[in-house]
Amino acid sequence: CTKQLNSYNDDLSQFEALDAQVVAISAQSVESHEKFALKHGFRFPLLAATDKVVAAAYGTLGPLGFPRRSVFIVDREGIVRYVHRAIAGLTFRPVGELVDVLLGLPR
């Protein structure tokens, strides 16, 4: 996920230009996130959900109970408008694809 988050951080201005907020969430601890964010200079929040309740609610828990790399775009009304749940976690959605989805949302 480091490569994914670095790419989103590098192109954060594209999301900001569309008034979109990038937020990352995982099952690691707050302390782990703080070190990780500091090391990579992330300019968006990293949220900790160590109990995996959020992962379960969004259907991202894999068969062994580990959250799968996923991307959700949620509009201002809280409606999920885009979902990508990676099968093996080896790929991620590029910034350009997500920007295209955001551009297609009703304003």
C-alpha atoms as a PDB file:
ATOM      1  CA  CYS A   1       0.000   0.000   0.000  1.00  0.00           C
ATOM      2  CA  THR A   2       3.026   2.296   0.289  1.00  0.00           C
ATOM      3  CA  LYS A   3       3.237   2.690  -3.481  1.00  0.00           C
ATOM      4  CA  GLN A   4      -0.491   3.389  -3.679  1.00  0.00           C
ATOM      5  CA  LEU A   5      -0.510   5.984  -0.918  1.00  0.00           C
ATOM      6  CA  ASN A   6       2.614   7.663  -2.281  1.00  0.00           C
ATOM      7  CA  SER A   7       0.974   8.005  -5.692  1.00  0.00           C
ATOM      8  CA  TYR A   8      -2.149   9.539  -4.144  1.00  0.00           C
ATOM      9  CA  ASN A   9      -0.007  11.859  -2.027  1.00  0.00           C
ATOM     10  CA  ASP A  10       2.085  12.905  -5.046  1.00  0.00           C
ATOM     11  CA  ASP A  11      -1.060  13.818  -6.977  1.00  0.00           C
ATOM     12  CA  LEU A  12      -3.090  15.108  -4.043  1.00  0.00           C
ATOM     13  CA  SER A  13      -3.612  18.428  -5.839  1.00  0.00           C
ATOM     14  CA  GLN A  14      -5.733  16.655  -8.469  1.00  0.00           C
ATOM     15  CA  PHE A  15      -8.117  15.435  -5.767  1.00  0.00           C
ATOM     16  CA  GLU A  16      -8.109  18.804  -4.019  1.00  0.00           C
ATOM     17  CA  ALA A  17      -8.966  20.569  -7.293  1.00  0.00           C
ATOM     18  CA  LEU A  18     -12.163  18.492  -7.344  1.00  0.00           C
ATOM     19  CA  ASP A  19     -12.900  19.208  -3.668  1.00  0.00           C
ATOM     20  CA  ALA A  20     -12.249  15.547  -2.856  1.00  0.00           C
ATOM     21  CA  GLN A  21     -10.723  14.377   0.426  1.00  0.00           C
ATOM     22  CA  VAL A  22      -8.324  11.424   0.432  1.00  0.00           C
ATOM     23  CA  VAL A  23      -8.449   9.305   3.587  1.00  0.00           C
ATOM     24  CA  ALA A  24      -6.670   6.007   4.184  1.00  0.00           C
ATOM     25  CA  ILE A  25      -7.809   3.468   6.749  1.00  0.00           C
ATOM     26  CA  SER A  26      -6.289   0.202   7.898  1.00  0.00           C
ATOM     27  CA  ALA A  27      -6.182  -2.188  10.825  1.00  0.00           C
ATOM     28  CA  GLN A  28      -2.778  -0.996  12.042  1.00  0.00           C
ATOM     29  CA  SER A  29      -2.513   1.108  15.196  1.00  0.00           C
ATOM     30  CA  VAL A  30      -2.547   4.901  15.417  1.00  0.00           C
ATOM     31  CA  GLU A  31       1.117   4.826  16.478  1.00  0.00           C
ATOM     32  CA  SER A  32       2.010   2.758  13.422  1.00  0.00           C
ATOM     33  CA  HIS A  33       0.161   5.217  11.176  1.00  0.00           C
ATOM     34  CA  GLU A  34       1.889   8.216  12.727  1.00  0.00           C
ATOM     35  CA  LYS A  35       5.333   6.738  12.026  1.00  0.00           C
ATOM     36  CA  PHE A  36       4.326   5.637   8.518  1.00  0.00           C
ATOM     37  CA  ALA A  37       2.822   9.032   7.620  1.00  0.00           C
ATOM     38  CA  LEU A  38       5.809  10.913   8.968  1.00  0.00           C
ATOM     39  CA  LYS A  39       8.252   8.701   7.085  1.00  0.00           C
ATOM     40  CA  HIS A  40       6.451   9.227   3.758  1.00  0.00           C
ATOM     41  CA  GLY A  41       5.168  12.771   4.266  1.00  0.00           C
ATOM     42  CA  PHE A  42       1.517  11.951   3.694  1.00  0.00           C
ATOM     43  CA  ARG A  43      -0.691  15.026   3.618  1.00  0.00           C
ATOM     44  CA  PHE A  44      -3.967  13.213   4.191  1.00  0.00           C
ATOM     45  CA  PRO A  45      -5.356  11.382   7.229  1.00  0.00           C
ATOM     46  CA  LEU A  46      -4.511   7.766   7.999  1.00  0.00           C
ATOM     47  CA  LEU A  47      -7.251   6.287  10.154  1.00  0.00           C
ATOM     48  CA  ALA A  48      -6.858   3.234  12.387  1.00  0.00           C
ATOM     49  CA  ALA A  49      -9.641   0.654  12.653  1.00  0.00           C
ATOM     50  CA  THR A  50      -7.873  -2.081  14.560  1.00  0.00           C
ATOM     51  CA  ASP A  51     -11.109  -3.904  15.376  1.00  0.00           C
ATOM     52  CA  LYS A  52     -11.807  -4.322  11.613  1.00  0.00           C
ATOM     53  CA  VAL A  53     -15.427  -3.202  12.080  1.00  0.00           C
ATOM     54  CA  VAL A  54     -15.131  -0.705   9.208  1.00  0.00           C
ATOM     55  CA  ALA A  55     -13.534  -3.319   6.935  1.00  0.00           C
ATOM     56  CA  ALA A  56     -16.379  -5.718   7.706  1.00  0.00           C
ATOM     57  CA  ALA A  57     -19.010  -3.019   7.080  1.00  0.00           C
ATOM     58  CA  TYR A  58     -17.504  -2.185   3.686  1.00  0.00           C
ATOM     59  CA  GLY A  59     -17.030  -5.836   2.692  1.00  0.00           C
ATOM     60  CA  THR A  60     -13.255  -5.696   2.476  1.00  0.00           C
ATOM     61  CA  LEU A  61     -12.291  -8.526   4.826  1.00  0.00           C
ATOM     62  CA  GLY A  62     -10.621 -11.339   2.944  1.00  0.00           C
ATOM     63  CA  PRO A  63     -11.136 -15.031   3.693  1.00  0.00           C
ATOM     64  CA  LEU A  64      -8.391 -15.060   6.353  1.00  0.00           C
ATOM     65  CA  GLY A  65      -9.754 -11.970   8.113  1.00  0.00           C
ATOM     66  CA  PHE A  66      -7.272  -9.484   6.666  1.00  0.00           C
ATOM     67  CA  PRO A  67      -8.670  -6.336   5.012  1.00  0.00           C
ATOM     68  CA  ARG A  68      -8.176  -6.241   1.245  1.00  0.00           C
ATOM     69  CA  ARG A  69      -6.784  -3.156  -0.494  1.00  0.00           C
ATOM     70  CA  SER A  70      -9.855  -1.246  -1.604  1.00  0.00           C
ATOM     71  CA  VAL A  71     -10.917   2.177  -2.832  1.00  0.00           C
ATOM     72  CA  PHE A  72     -14.266   3.814  -2.225  1.00  0.00           C
ATOM     73  CA  ILE A  73     -15.549   7.124  -3.498  1.00  0.00           C
ATOM     74  CA  VAL A  74     -18.305   8.467  -1.286  1.00  0.00           C
ATOM     75  CA  ASP A  75     -20.229  11.567  -2.317  1.00  0.00           C
ATOM     76  CA  ARG A  76     -21.277  14.489  -0.125  1.00  0.00           C
ATOM     77  CA  GLU A  77     -24.506  12.740   0.816  1.00  0.00           C
ATOM     78  CA  GLY A  78     -22.645   9.652   2.036  1.00  0.00           C
ATOM     79  CA  ILE A  79     -23.578   7.532  -0.976  1.00  0.00           C
ATOM     80  CA  VAL A  80     -20.888   5.146  -2.176  1.00  0.00           C
ATOM     81  CA  ARG A  81     -20.432   5.982  -5.875  1.00  0.00           C
ATOM     82  CA  TYR A  82     -17.411   3.836  -6.736  1.00  0.00           C
ATOM     83  CA  VAL A  83     -15.908   0.658  -5.305  1.00  0.00           C
ATOM     84  CA  HIS A  84     -12.804  -1.315  -6.136  1.00  0.00           C
ATOM     85  CA  ARG A  85     -11.884  -4.264  -3.930  1.00  0.00           C
ATOM     86  CA  ALA A  86      -8.596  -5.843  -4.956  1.00  0.00           C
ATOM     87  CA  ILE A  87      -8.535  -9.630  -5.018  1.00  0.00           C
ATOM     88  CA  ALA A  88      -4.857 -10.134  -4.208  1.00  0.00           C
ATOM     89  CA  GLY A  89      -3.841  -6.612  -3.190  1.00  0.00           C
ATOM     90  CA  LEU A  90      -1.154  -6.480  -5.849  1.00  0.00           C
ATOM     91  CA  THR A  91      -2.721  -3.663  -7.840  1.00  0.00           C
ATOM     92  CA  PHE A  92      -4.372  -0.391  -7.026  1.00  0.00           C
ATOM     93  CA  ARG A  93      -6.484   2.142  -8.874  1.00  0.00           C
ATOM     94  CA  PRO A  94      -4.410   4.922 -10.418  1.00  0.00           C
ATOM     95  CA  VAL A  95      -5.078   8.577  -9.709  1.00  0.00           C
ATOM     96  CA  GLY A  96      -6.277   9.232 -13.270  1.00  0.00           C
ATOM     97  CA  GLU A  97      -9.000   6.598 -12.991  1.00  0.00           C
ATOM     98  CA  LEU A  98     -10.238   8.009  -9.696  1.00  0.00           C
ATOM     99  CA  VAL A  99     -10.179  11.559 -11.042  1.00  0.00           C
ATOM    100  CA  ASP A 100     -12.290  10.417 -14.015  1.00  0.00           C
ATOM    101  CA  VAL A 101     -14.835   8.902 -11.606  1.00  0.00           C
ATOM    102  CA  LEU A 102     -14.929  12.112  -9.581  1.00  0.00           C
ATOM    103  CA  LEU A 103     -15.422  14.188 -12.715  1.00  0.00           C
ATOM    104  CA  GLY A 104     -18.404  12.023 -13.641  1.00  0.00           C
ATOM    105  CA  LEU A 105     -20.214  12.553 -10.339  1.00  0.00           C
ATOM    106  CA  PRO A 106     -23.154  14.943 -10.237  1.00  0.00           C
ATOM    107  CA  ARG A 107     -22.198  18.312  -8.749  1.00  0.00           C
END
